[in-house]
Amino acid sequence: MELTTEVGRTIPAVTNIDIPEDLIELERAAWAEQQAGRLTVETADAVQRAYREHAATAGVSRMELEMAVKRTVRHPADETEA
């Protein structure tokens, strides 16, 4: 499966990454703040720190983890179609 970005770039979909629920909740909070135009440095830092820590612990790419979480949070319909 591939994803197409807003500028039309196609990137491979990230699969088989264990995503803890607390990381999804952090990203949901950050996404809600961002959509409301009030994302704080503290929230953004907490999410990025959680990405780094989980990626290191799980032995996965931080970038791939972040992409998978954002896709789960921002495009939940894509997850049910997969």
N, C-alpha and C. Protein backbone atom coordinates (compact mmCIF):
# COMPACT_ATOMS: atom_id res chain seq x y z
N MET A 1 0.84 -1.18 0.00
CA MET A 1 0.00 0.00 0.00
C MET A 1 0.88 1.24 0.00
N GLU A 2 0.47 2.27 -0.70
CA GLU A 2 1.21 3.52 -0.75
C GLU A 2 0.29 4.66 -0.34
N LEU A 3 0.90 5.75 0.13
CA LEU A 3 0.16 6.95 0.48
C LEU A 3 0.59 8.07 -0.45
N THR A 4 -0.33 8.95 -0.78
CA THR A 4 0.01 10.12 -1.58
C THR A 4 -0.08 11.34 -0.69
N THR A 5 0.99 12.12 -0.64
CA THR A 5 1.03 13.30 0.21
C THR A 5 0.25 14.43 -0.42
N GLU A 6 0.10 15.52 0.34
CA GLU A 6 -0.65 16.67 -0.16
C GLU A 6 -0.03 17.28 -1.41
N VAL A 7 1.29 17.13 -1.59
CA VAL A 7 1.94 17.68 -2.78
C VAL A 7 2.08 16.64 -3.88
N GLY A 8 1.43 15.50 -3.71
CA GLY A 8 1.40 14.50 -4.76
C GLY A 8 2.52 13.48 -4.73
N ARG A 9 3.41 13.53 -3.72
CA ARG A 9 4.46 12.53 -3.61
C ARG A 9 3.87 11.23 -3.11
N THR A 10 4.31 10.13 -3.64
CA THR A 10 3.86 8.83 -3.18
C THR A 10 4.94 8.25 -2.28
N ILE A 11 4.51 7.80 -1.10
CA ILE A 11 5.44 7.18 -0.16
C ILE A 11 4.87 5.84 0.27
N PRO A 12 5.74 4.89 0.60
CA PRO A 12 5.22 3.60 1.05
C PRO A 12 4.51 3.73 2.39
N ALA A 13 3.45 2.99 2.57
CA ALA A 13 2.74 2.99 3.84
C ALA A 13 3.55 2.21 4.86
N VAL A 14 3.51 2.66 6.08
CA VAL A 14 4.25 2.02 7.15
C VAL A 14 3.35 0.97 7.79
N THR A 15 3.87 -0.22 7.94
CA THR A 15 3.08 -1.28 8.54
C THR A 15 3.91 -2.02 9.59
N ASN A 16 3.24 -2.83 10.35
CA ASN A 16 3.89 -3.71 11.32
C ASN A 16 4.69 -2.97 12.39
N ILE A 17 4.24 -1.81 12.80
CA ILE A 17 4.87 -1.11 13.91
C ILE A 17 3.89 -1.13 15.07
N ASP A 18 4.37 -1.59 16.21
CA ASP A 18 3.54 -1.62 17.41
C ASP A 18 3.42 -0.19 17.94
N ILE A 19 2.21 0.31 17.98
CA ILE A 19 1.97 1.69 18.43
C ILE A 19 1.21 1.65 19.75
N PRO A 20 1.84 2.08 20.84
CA PRO A 20 1.12 2.08 22.12
C PRO A 20 0.02 3.14 22.14
N GLU A 21 -1.06 2.84 22.84
CA GLU A 21 -2.22 3.72 22.89
C GLU A 21 -1.86 5.10 23.46
N ASP A 22 -0.93 5.16 24.42
CA ASP A 22 -0.58 6.45 25.00
C ASP A 22 0.08 7.37 23.98
N LEU A 23 0.81 6.79 23.02
CA LEU A 23 1.42 7.60 21.96
C LEU A 23 0.35 8.12 21.01
N ILE A 24 -0.63 7.31 20.73
CA ILE A 24 -1.75 7.76 19.89
C ILE A 24 -2.50 8.89 20.57
N GLU A 25 -2.72 8.76 21.87
CA GLU A 25 -3.43 9.82 22.61
C GLU A 25 -2.62 11.12 22.63
N LEU A 26 -1.31 11.03 22.79
CA LEU A 26 -0.47 12.24 22.73
C LEU A 26 -0.58 12.92 21.37
N GLU A 27 -0.52 12.12 20.31
CA GLU A 27 -0.63 12.68 18.95
C GLU A 27 -2.01 13.27 18.72
N ARG A 28 -3.05 12.63 19.22
CA ARG A 28 -4.41 13.19 19.08
C ARG A 28 -4.51 14.55 19.75
N ALA A 29 -3.93 14.67 20.94
CA ALA A 29 -3.95 15.95 21.65
C ALA A 29 -3.19 17.02 20.86
N ALA A 30 -2.04 16.65 20.34
CA ALA A 30 -1.24 17.60 19.56
C ALA A 30 -1.97 18.00 18.28
N TRP A 31 -2.59 17.03 17.63
CA TRP A 31 -3.32 17.30 16.38
C TRP A 31 -4.51 18.22 16.65
N ALA A 32 -5.21 17.99 17.75
CA ALA A 32 -6.35 18.85 18.11
C ALA A 32 -5.87 20.27 18.38
N GLU A 33 -4.78 20.40 19.12
CA GLU A 33 -4.22 21.74 19.38
C GLU A 33 -3.78 22.40 18.08
N GLN A 34 -3.14 21.64 17.21
CA GLN A 34 -2.67 22.20 15.94
C GLN A 34 -3.85 22.67 15.09
N GLN A 35 -4.90 21.90 15.02
CA GLN A 35 -6.07 22.28 14.23
C GLN A 35 -6.75 23.51 14.81
N ALA A 36 -6.68 23.68 16.12
CA ALA A 36 -7.28 24.84 16.77
C ALA A 36 -6.35 26.05 16.76
N GLY A 37 -5.15 25.88 16.21
CA GLY A 37 -4.19 26.97 16.14
C GLY A 37 -3.56 27.30 17.48
N ARG A 38 -3.49 26.30 18.38
CA ARG A 38 -2.93 26.58 19.69
C ARG A 38 -1.97 25.48 20.17
N LEU A 39 -1.22 24.89 19.23
CA LEU A 39 -0.24 23.88 19.60
C LEU A 39 0.86 24.53 20.43
N THR A 40 1.12 23.96 21.59
CA THR A 40 2.14 24.51 22.48
C THR A 40 3.46 23.77 22.29
N VAL A 41 4.53 24.44 22.66
CA VAL A 41 5.86 23.82 22.61
C VAL A 41 5.88 22.60 23.53
N GLU A 42 5.24 22.71 24.67
CA GLU A 42 5.22 21.61 25.63
C GLU A 42 4.56 20.37 25.04
N THR A 43 3.44 20.55 24.37
CA THR A 43 2.74 19.41 23.77
C THR A 43 3.58 18.81 22.65
N ALA A 44 4.11 19.66 21.78
CA ALA A 44 4.93 19.16 20.67
C ALA A 44 6.16 18.43 21.19
N ASP A 45 6.79 18.97 22.23
CA ASP A 45 7.97 18.34 22.80
C ASP A 45 7.62 16.98 23.43
N ALA A 46 6.49 16.91 24.11
CA ALA A 46 6.07 15.65 24.73
C ALA A 46 5.86 14.56 23.69
N VAL A 47 5.25 14.92 22.57
CA VAL A 47 5.00 13.95 21.51
C VAL A 47 6.33 13.50 20.89
N GLN A 48 7.20 14.44 20.58
CA GLN A 48 8.48 14.09 19.98
C GLN A 48 9.33 13.24 20.92
N ARG A 49 9.32 13.57 22.19
CA ARG A 49 10.06 12.78 23.18
C ARG A 49 9.52 11.35 23.22
N ALA A 50 8.18 11.21 23.19
CA ALA A 50 7.57 9.88 23.20
C ALA A 50 7.93 9.10 21.94
N TYR A 51 7.97 9.76 20.79
CA TYR A 51 8.41 9.09 19.56
C TYR A 51 9.83 8.58 19.70
N ARG A 52 10.73 9.43 20.16
CA ARG A 52 12.14 9.04 20.30
C ARG A 52 12.29 7.87 21.26
N GLU A 53 11.64 7.95 22.41
CA GLU A 53 11.77 6.90 23.42
C GLU A 53 11.20 5.57 22.93
N HIS A 54 10.01 5.60 22.34
CA HIS A 54 9.41 4.35 21.87
C HIS A 54 10.20 3.76 20.71
N ALA A 55 10.65 4.60 19.80
CA ALA A 55 11.44 4.10 18.66
C ALA A 55 12.71 3.43 19.15
N ALA A 56 13.38 4.03 20.12
CA ALA A 56 14.61 3.45 20.65
C ALA A 56 14.33 2.13 21.35
N THR A 57 13.28 2.08 22.13
CA THR A 57 12.92 0.87 22.86
C THR A 57 12.49 -0.25 21.92
N ALA A 58 11.69 0.10 20.92
CA ALA A 58 11.15 -0.90 19.99
C ALA A 58 12.11 -1.25 18.87
N GLY A 59 13.17 -0.46 18.71
CA GLY A 59 14.13 -0.72 17.64
C GLY A 59 13.59 -0.43 16.26
N VAL A 60 12.78 0.62 16.16
CA VAL A 60 12.21 1.03 14.87
C VAL A 60 12.66 2.45 14.55
N SER A 61 12.51 2.83 13.32
CA SER A 61 12.84 4.18 12.89
C SER A 61 11.87 5.17 13.53
N ARG A 62 12.40 6.24 14.13
CA ARG A 62 11.54 7.26 14.71
C ARG A 62 10.65 7.88 13.65
N MET A 63 11.20 8.12 12.48
CA MET A 63 10.42 8.73 11.41
C MET A 63 9.28 7.80 10.96
N GLU A 64 9.57 6.51 10.81
CA GLU A 64 8.52 5.58 10.40
C GLU A 64 7.45 5.46 11.48
N LEU A 65 7.87 5.47 12.74
CA LEU A 65 6.92 5.43 13.84
C LEU A 65 6.02 6.66 13.80
N GLU A 66 6.62 7.83 13.65
CA GLU A 66 5.84 9.07 13.61
C GLU A 66 4.86 9.06 12.44
N MET A 67 5.31 8.60 11.29
CA MET A 67 4.42 8.54 10.12
C MET A 67 3.25 7.61 10.38
N ALA A 68 3.52 6.47 11.01
CA ALA A 68 2.46 5.50 11.29
C ALA A 68 1.44 6.07 12.29
N VAL A 69 1.94 6.74 13.32
CA VAL A 69 1.03 7.31 14.32
C VAL A 69 0.19 8.42 13.70
N LYS A 70 0.83 9.30 12.96
CA LYS A 70 0.08 10.40 12.33
C LYS A 70 -0.96 9.87 11.36
N ARG A 71 -0.60 8.83 10.61
CA ARG A 71 -1.58 8.25 9.69
C ARG A 71 -2.76 7.68 10.47
N THR A 72 -2.48 7.01 11.58
CA THR A 72 -3.53 6.43 12.41
C THR A 72 -4.45 7.50 12.97
N VAL A 73 -3.87 8.62 13.42
CA VAL A 73 -4.64 9.69 14.03
C VAL A 73 -5.36 10.54 12.99
N ARG A 74 -4.67 10.91 11.94
CA ARG A 74 -5.21 11.87 10.98
C ARG A 74 -6.02 11.24 9.86
N HIS A 75 -5.81 9.96 9.59
CA HIS A 75 -6.51 9.29 8.50
C HIS A 75 -7.02 7.93 8.95
N PRO A 76 -7.88 7.89 9.95
CA PRO A 76 -8.33 6.59 10.49
C PRO A 76 -9.04 5.72 9.46
N ALA A 77 -9.63 6.31 8.44
CA ALA A 77 -10.31 5.51 7.40
C ALA A 77 -9.30 4.65 6.66
N ASP A 78 -8.07 5.16 6.48
CA ASP A 78 -7.02 4.38 5.80
C ASP A 78 -6.71 3.10 6.58
N GLU A 79 -6.76 3.16 7.89
CA GLU A 79 -6.45 2.02 8.74
C GLU A 79 -7.52 0.93 8.58
N THR A 80 -8.77 1.30 8.47
CA THR A 80 -9.83 0.31 8.36
C THR A 80 -9.87 -0.32 6.98
N GLU A 81 -9.34 0.37 5.98
CA GLU A 81 -9.32 -0.16 4.62
C GLU A 81 -8.17 -1.12 4.41
N ALA A 82 -7.12 -1.01 5.21
CA ALA A 82 -5.91 -1.83 5.02
C ALA A 82 -6.14 -3.28 5.35
